[in-house]
Amino acid sequence: MDLAVVAKEIKQDDLLQMYYYLRLTRTLEERITALYRQGRIMGGVYTSHGMEAIAVGYASALERDDVIAPYHRDMGAFLIRGITPGEVIAQYLGKRTGPTKGKDGNVHIGDLKRGVIGFVSHLADNLPVATGAALAFKLRGESRVVITNTGDGGTSRGDFHEALNFASVRKLPVVFFCNNNQYAYSTPLRLQMAIRDVVERAKAYAMPGEIVDGNDVAAVYLAAKRAIQRARSGDGPTFIEAKTMRMHGHSEHDSAKYVPRELLEEWKKKDPIMKAEQMLKQLGYADDATFREVDARVKQEVEAGVEFAEQSPLPEGREVLDGVFATEDEVQP
């Protein structure tokens, strides 16, 4: 990313805040992975290691009343929308203090009061839901935008195409992101689709498309800003392909032996946190002391989150239906 453009378009404090969330995301997910290895988490653990810049970048570009419909590699977006490390860990531990109050696990997180539409495992099921929310905003005359995300494999499903088609026809205020992390579980991109770039799929719906470096948080932020402004002004949706690499397996139980080691070594050199640190140093916004301070801060926050989650109670059987059916004050996002 051109440093002159970054310096002109993004405030120093905003860049430092994005760096903080990059570090918080990675530290939190590494701690969750450690808990999983210790046998303290049941079920799967899905991380965004090596992809943190996408969720942090797009979520940082949103306004307070906007909404996200994320997927399982969007931890940074959850955190930016106000879901705390303690709540995330409580969710993984099945505690009452997690967003689903112990009714579900891992990153099946949602909270309409914080503008987070609940995530479900099947990609890209969240895209039509995001499109529906955008339709509601348009019908109500509200200046609000939805951002939703899926992986490259999710773009091969029918619900992806249905969502993009409807959103384009109705010029809805929604931004579609694709984390092109090269693999849909174990299927490489070349065996998923004949096109070179996923963004080419936007052409079928007369929708603007853009490719962005998914490991450059400033580039993602600016691309998201442009698309959000377009959506908010009534010009309809945009599709953004963020090119990145999944540095771990599909989940932590997956060793990803099907990924060539040399490919991972190549992408290690493009690590989003390393790139952010280089950018901040070159701009004169931070130095190694700054990075050490952030590291100490996020580690303290994550450990406080672990303590909170471990001390939280498990749900009781009588609570099984609490929050399952929406009440009137929970209907509108």
Protein backbone atom coordinates (compact mmCIF):
# COMPACT_ATOMS: atom_id res chain seq x y z
CA MET A 1 0.00 0.00 0.00
CA ASP A 2 1.32 3.45 -0.94
CA LEU A 3 2.42 5.10 2.30
CA ALA A 4 1.50 8.56 1.04
CA VAL A 5 -2.05 7.39 0.43
CA VAL A 6 -2.22 5.75 3.85
CA ALA A 7 -0.94 8.89 5.58
CA LYS A 8 -3.45 11.04 3.72
CA GLU A 9 -6.51 8.81 4.07
CA ILE A 10 -6.14 7.18 7.51
CA LYS A 11 -5.56 8.92 10.84
CA GLN A 12 -2.60 7.82 12.93
CA ASP A 13 -4.82 6.87 15.88
CA ASP A 14 -7.01 4.74 13.62
CA LEU A 15 -4.02 2.84 12.28
CA LEU A 16 -2.71 2.23 15.78
CA GLN A 17 -6.14 1.05 16.85
CA MET A 18 -6.25 -1.40 13.95
CA TYR A 19 -2.81 -2.69 14.92
CA TYR A 20 -4.08 -3.24 18.47
CA TYR A 21 -6.99 -5.31 17.17
CA LEU A 22 -4.68 -7.34 14.93
CA ARG A 23 -2.61 -8.25 17.97
CA LEU A 24 -5.65 -8.84 20.19
CA THR A 25 -7.18 -11.17 17.60
CA ARG A 26 -4.06 -13.26 17.21
CA THR A 27 -3.30 -13.43 20.93
CA LEU A 28 -6.88 -14.41 21.75
CA GLU A 29 -7.02 -17.12 19.11
CA GLU A 30 -3.62 -18.50 20.13
CA ARG A 31 -4.86 -18.71 23.73
CA ILE A 32 -8.05 -20.45 22.63
CA THR A 33 -5.95 -22.91 20.62
CA ALA A 34 -3.85 -23.62 23.72
CA LEU A 35 -7.01 -24.32 25.73
CA TYR A 36 -8.13 -26.69 22.98
CA ARG A 37 -4.81 -28.55 23.03
CA GLN A 38 -5.20 -28.93 26.80
CA GLY A 39 -8.59 -30.61 26.28
CA ARG A 40 -10.49 -27.78 27.94
CA ILE A 41 -12.58 -26.91 24.86
CA MET A 42 -15.06 -29.31 23.35
CA GLY A 43 -15.80 -29.06 19.63
CA GLY A 44 -13.89 -27.27 16.92
CA VAL A 45 -11.60 -24.25 17.08
CA TYR A 46 -11.43 -22.07 13.96
CA THR A 47 -8.88 -19.29 13.71
CA SER A 48 -8.05 -16.41 11.40
CA HIS A 49 -4.28 -16.79 11.80
CA GLY A 50 -2.66 -14.98 8.88
CA MET A 51 -5.97 -13.40 7.82
CA GLU A 52 -6.61 -11.00 10.71
CA ALA A 53 -6.27 -7.89 8.55
CA ILE A 54 -9.50 -8.59 6.64
CA ALA A 55 -11.96 -8.56 9.55
CA VAL A 56 -10.07 -5.81 11.37
CA GLY A 57 -9.90 -3.69 8.23
CA TYR A 58 -13.54 -3.91 7.20
CA ALA A 59 -14.99 -3.67 10.71
CA SER A 60 -12.89 -0.57 11.41
CA ALA A 61 -14.48 1.14 8.40
CA LEU A 62 -18.05 0.76 9.66
CA GLU A 63 -20.13 3.25 11.62
CA ARG A 64 -21.81 2.43 14.91
CA ASP A 65 -25.28 1.64 13.52
CA ASP A 66 -23.99 -0.55 10.68
CA VAL A 67 -24.24 -4.33 10.87
CA ILE A 68 -22.01 -7.30 10.14
CA ALA A 69 -22.95 -10.85 9.12
CA PRO A 70 -19.56 -12.49 9.70
CA TYR A 71 -18.15 -15.97 9.26
CA HIS A 72 -15.80 -18.10 11.32
CA ARG A 73 -12.56 -16.29 10.41
CA ASP A 74 -13.84 -12.85 11.45
CA MET A 75 -12.74 -12.73 15.08
CA GLY A 76 -11.36 -9.22 14.66
CA ALA A 77 -14.80 -7.99 13.60
CA PHE A 78 -16.45 -9.57 16.65
CA LEU A 79 -13.96 -7.77 18.90
CA ILE A 80 -14.34 -4.41 17.18
CA ARG A 81 -18.12 -4.62 17.50
CA GLY A 82 -17.68 -4.92 21.27
CA ILE A 83 -17.71 -8.64 22.02
CA THR A 84 -15.00 -9.06 24.66
CA PRO A 85 -12.27 -11.71 24.88
CA GLY A 86 -13.94 -12.99 28.05
CA GLU A 87 -17.24 -13.48 26.25
CA VAL A 88 -15.53 -15.27 23.36
CA ILE A 89 -13.71 -17.67 25.69
CA ALA A 90 -16.90 -18.21 27.72
CA GLN A 91 -18.61 -19.12 24.44
CA TYR A 92 -15.93 -21.71 23.72
CA LEU A 93 -16.26 -23.11 27.26
CA GLY A 94 -20.05 -23.30 27.03
CA LYS A 95 -20.57 -20.84 29.88
CA ARG A 96 -23.66 -18.80 30.64
CA THR A 97 -21.71 -15.55 30.06
CA GLY A 98 -21.01 -16.33 26.41
CA PRO A 99 -23.10 -14.66 23.69
CA THR A 100 -25.26 -17.79 23.26
CA LYS A 101 -25.36 -18.38 27.03
CA GLY A 102 -23.99 -21.89 26.65
CA LYS A 103 -26.42 -23.02 23.95
CA ASP A 104 -23.78 -23.24 21.23
CA GLY A 105 -20.03 -23.24 20.90
CA ASN A 106 -16.98 -21.77 19.14
CA VAL A 107 -17.68 -18.74 16.91
CA HIS A 108 -21.45 -19.19 16.52
CA ILE A 109 -21.74 -15.70 17.96
CA GLY A 110 -24.36 -13.05 17.42
CA ASP A 111 -25.68 -9.98 19.21
CA LEU A 112 -28.08 -7.68 17.36
CA LYS A 113 -27.62 -4.96 19.99
CA ARG A 114 -23.98 -4.77 18.91
CA GLY A 115 -24.80 -5.12 15.23
CA VAL A 116 -23.65 -8.73 14.86
CA ILE A 117 -25.95 -11.14 12.99
CA GLY A 118 -25.43 -14.62 14.41
CA PHE A 119 -23.10 -16.87 12.44
CA VAL A 120 -23.96 -20.45 11.50
CA SER A 121 -21.54 -23.04 10.14
CA HIS A 122 -22.82 -23.37 6.59
CA LEU A 123 -21.09 -20.95 4.25
CA ALA A 124 -22.46 -18.77 2.60
CA ASP A 125 -25.80 -18.95 4.43
CA ASN A 126 -25.15 -15.57 6.03
CA LEU A 127 -25.10 -13.71 2.70
CA PRO A 128 -28.85 -13.88 1.99
CA VAL A 129 -29.49 -12.90 5.62
CA ALA A 130 -27.23 -9.87 5.22
CA THR A 131 -29.04 -9.01 1.99
CA GLY A 132 -32.35 -9.20 3.83
CA ALA A 133 -31.08 -6.83 6.52
CA ALA A 134 -29.91 -4.43 3.80
CA LEU A 135 -33.36 -4.60 2.20
CA ALA A 136 -34.92 -3.70 5.55
CA PHE A 137 -32.59 -0.71 5.90
CA LYS A 138 -33.53 0.51 2.44
CA LEU A 139 -37.28 0.05 2.98
CA ARG A 140 -37.06 1.90 6.30
CA GLY A 141 -35.04 4.71 4.76
CA GLU A 142 -32.14 4.19 7.16
CA SER A 143 -28.57 5.21 6.32
CA ARG A 144 -27.10 1.88 7.38
CA VAL A 145 -24.86 -0.65 5.67
CA VAL A 146 -24.28 -4.39 6.09
CA ILE A 147 -20.94 -6.12 5.53
CA THR A 148 -20.90 -9.87 5.14
CA ASN A 149 -18.11 -12.33 4.51
CA THR A 150 -17.46 -15.85 3.29
CA GLY A 151 -14.56 -17.94 2.03
CA ASP A 152 -13.63 -18.72 -1.55
CA GLY A 153 -15.44 -22.05 -1.32
CA GLY A 154 -18.61 -20.32 -0.16
CA THR A 155 -18.77 -18.41 -3.45
CA SER A 156 -19.48 -21.68 -5.26
CA ARG A 157 -22.77 -22.18 -3.42
CA GLY A 158 -26.17 -21.12 -4.67
CA ASP A 159 -26.92 -18.82 -1.74
CA PHE A 160 -23.90 -16.70 -2.64
CA HIS A 161 -25.22 -16.13 -6.15
CA GLU A 162 -28.79 -15.58 -5.01
CA ALA A 163 -27.67 -12.94 -2.52
CA LEU A 164 -25.51 -11.05 -5.02
CA ASN A 165 -28.17 -11.14 -7.70
CA PHE A 166 -30.95 -9.85 -5.45
CA ALA A 167 -28.75 -7.19 -3.86
CA SER A 168 -27.65 -5.91 -7.25
CA VAL A 169 -31.15 -5.81 -8.73
CA ARG A 170 -32.48 -3.91 -5.73
CA LYS A 171 -29.34 -1.75 -5.25
CA LEU A 172 -29.11 -2.69 -1.60
CA PRO A 173 -26.62 -1.23 0.92
CA VAL A 174 -24.55 -4.36 1.42
CA VAL A 175 -20.85 -5.10 0.89
CA PHE A 176 -19.81 -8.67 0.12
CA PHE A 177 -16.33 -9.79 1.17
CA CYS A 178 -14.60 -12.98 0.13
CA ASN A 179 -11.62 -14.22 2.13
CA ASN A 180 -9.79 -15.98 -0.68
CA ASN A 181 -7.52 -18.06 1.53
CA GLN A 182 -6.72 -20.52 -1.26
CA TYR A 183 -8.46 -23.59 0.22
CA ALA A 184 -12.08 -24.59 0.85
CA TYR A 185 -11.24 -27.00 3.64
CA SER A 186 -8.83 -29.21 1.64
CA THR A 187 -9.88 -28.21 -1.89
CA PRO A 188 -7.48 -25.77 -3.59
CA LEU A 189 -8.86 -22.90 -5.60
CA ARG A 190 -7.83 -24.40 -8.96
CA LEU A 191 -10.17 -27.35 -8.31
CA GLN A 192 -13.06 -25.12 -7.21
CA MET A 193 -13.44 -22.80 -10.18
CA ALA A 194 -12.09 -22.19 -13.67
CA ILE A 195 -11.68 -18.43 -13.23
CA ARG A 196 -8.41 -16.98 -11.96
CA ASP A 197 -9.90 -14.40 -9.60
CA VAL A 198 -13.03 -14.93 -7.51
CA VAL A 199 -13.98 -11.29 -8.07
CA GLU A 200 -14.87 -12.15 -11.68
CA ARG A 201 -18.11 -13.59 -10.32
CA ALA A 202 -19.34 -10.06 -9.64
CA LYS A 203 -19.54 -9.38 -13.39
CA ALA A 204 -22.53 -11.69 -13.74
CA TYR A 205 -24.52 -9.34 -11.52
CA ALA A 206 -23.31 -6.01 -12.95
CA MET A 207 -21.70 -5.38 -9.58
CA PRO A 208 -18.43 -3.50 -9.00
CA GLY A 209 -15.65 -5.81 -7.88
CA GLU A 210 -12.27 -5.11 -6.35
CA ILE A 211 -9.24 -7.22 -5.43
CA VAL A 212 -7.38 -6.19 -2.31
CA ASP A 213 -4.31 -7.48 -0.47
CA GLY A 214 -6.00 -9.28 2.42
CA ASN A 215 -2.83 -9.12 4.51
CA ASP A 216 -2.63 -5.30 4.37
CA VAL A 217 -5.00 -3.86 6.97
CA ALA A 218 -4.81 -0.34 5.52
CA ALA A 219 -5.65 -1.58 2.02
CA VAL A 220 -8.64 -3.56 3.32
CA TYR A 221 -9.84 -0.59 5.36
CA LEU A 222 -9.72 1.80 2.38
CA ALA A 223 -11.41 -0.70 0.04
CA ALA A 224 -14.15 -1.23 2.61
CA LYS A 225 -14.53 2.55 3.06
CA ARG A 226 -15.08 3.03 -0.66
CA ALA A 227 -17.63 0.23 -0.85
CA ILE A 228 -19.45 1.41 2.27
CA GLN A 229 -19.71 4.94 0.92
CA ARG A 230 -21.08 3.61 -2.35
CA ALA A 231 -23.65 1.50 -0.53
CA ARG A 232 -24.67 4.30 1.82
CA SER A 233 -25.15 6.73 -1.05
CA GLY A 234 -27.67 4.42 -2.72
CA ASP A 235 -25.44 3.02 -5.48
CA GLY A 236 -25.79 -0.58 -4.36
CA PRO A 237 -23.49 -3.43 -3.40
CA THR A 238 -19.81 -4.15 -4.03
CA PHE A 239 -17.92 -7.45 -4.05
CA ILE A 240 -14.40 -7.40 -2.60
CA GLU A 241 -12.00 -10.30 -2.94
CA ALA A 242 -9.33 -10.19 -0.25
CA LYS A 243 -6.42 -12.41 -1.25
CA THR A 244 -4.76 -14.12 1.70
CA MET A 245 -3.68 -17.56 2.95
CA ARG A 246 -5.02 -19.86 5.64
CA MET A 247 -1.93 -20.50 7.76
CA HIS A 248 -3.50 -23.24 9.91
CA GLY A 249 -5.79 -26.11 8.99
CA HIS A 250 -9.49 -25.64 8.40
CA SER A 251 -9.81 -26.04 12.16
CA GLU A 252 -7.26 -26.90 14.82
CA HIS A 253 -7.87 -30.65 14.50
CA ASP A 254 -6.77 -30.46 10.85
CA SER A 255 -3.03 -30.72 10.21
CA ALA A 256 -3.44 -29.37 6.64
CA LYS A 257 -0.93 -31.84 5.20
CA TYR A 258 -2.54 -31.23 1.83
CA VAL A 259 -1.07 -27.69 1.71
CA PRO A 260 2.44 -27.47 0.18
CA ARG A 261 4.92 -26.37 2.85
CA GLU A 262 6.65 -23.99 0.43
CA LEU A 263 3.35 -22.17 -0.08
CA LEU A 264 3.02 -21.58 3.65
CA GLU A 265 6.64 -20.40 3.86
CA GLU A 266 5.95 -17.91 1.07
CA TRP A 267 2.92 -16.49 2.88
CA LYS A 268 4.72 -16.29 6.22
CA LYS A 269 6.70 -13.44 4.70
CA LYS A 270 3.41 -11.57 4.13
CA ASP A 271 2.12 -11.88 7.69
CA PRO A 272 -0.46 -9.10 8.34
CA ILE A 273 0.93 -8.15 11.75
CA MET A 274 4.46 -7.94 10.39
CA LYS A 275 3.23 -5.82 7.46
CA ALA A 276 1.35 -3.51 9.82
CA GLU A 277 4.43 -3.04 11.99
CA GLN A 278 6.57 -2.22 8.97
CA MET A 279 4.00 0.33 7.80
CA LEU A 280 3.71 1.99 11.22
CA LYS A 281 7.50 2.24 11.52
CA GLN A 282 7.89 3.70 8.03
CA LEU A 283 5.21 6.29 8.75
CA GLY A 284 6.91 7.19 12.04
CA TYR A 285 3.77 6.28 14.00
CA ALA A 286 5.28 3.54 16.18
CA ASP A 287 8.47 1.76 17.17
CA ASP A 288 9.45 -1.49 18.88
CA ALA A 289 8.58 -0.06 22.27
CA THR A 290 5.06 0.65 21.04
CA PHE A 291 4.70 -2.92 19.83
CA ARG A 292 5.91 -4.32 23.16
CA GLU A 293 3.37 -2.18 25.00
CA VAL A 294 0.55 -3.43 22.80
CA ASP A 295 1.73 -7.02 23.22
CA ALA A 296 1.72 -6.70 27.03
CA ARG A 297 -1.69 -5.04 26.97
CA VAL A 298 -3.41 -7.67 24.83
CA LYS A 299 -1.88 -10.55 26.77
CA GLN A 300 -3.21 -9.05 29.99
CA GLU A 301 -6.67 -8.57 28.47
CA VAL A 302 -6.77 -12.12 27.14
CA GLU A 303 -5.67 -13.64 30.45
CA ALA A 304 -8.32 -11.57 32.22
CA GLY A 305 -10.79 -13.00 29.72
CA VAL A 306 -9.69 -16.56 30.51
CA GLU A 307 -10.15 -15.92 34.23
CA PHE A 308 -13.59 -14.40 33.63
CA ALA A 309 -14.70 -17.35 31.51
CA GLU A 310 -13.35 -20.00 33.87
CA GLN A 311 -15.09 -18.40 36.85
CA SER A 312 -18.37 -18.01 34.98
CA PRO A 313 -21.19 -20.48 35.70
CA LEU A 314 -22.45 -23.11 33.34
CA PRO A 315 -26.08 -22.73 32.21
CA GLU A 316 -28.82 -24.59 34.05
CA GLY A 317 -31.27 -26.91 32.35
CA ARG A 318 -34.24 -24.64 32.99
CA GLU A 319 -32.57 -21.94 30.84
CA VAL A 320 -32.59 -24.07 27.70
CA LEU A 321 -35.36 -22.06 25.99
CA ASP A 322 -34.30 -18.63 27.23
CA GLY A 323 -33.42 -16.41 24.28
CA VAL A 324 -34.43 -18.97 21.68
CA PHE A 325 -37.53 -17.07 20.60
CA ALA A 326 -37.16 -13.34 19.90
CA THR A 327 -39.02 -10.84 22.01
CA GLU A 328 -40.34 -7.62 20.54
CA ASP A 329 -37.33 -5.55 21.64
CA GLU A 330 -34.91 -8.02 20.02
CA VAL A 331 -36.38 -8.17 16.55
CA GLN A 332 -34.84 -5.16 14.79
CA PRO A 333 -31.05 -5.00 14.34
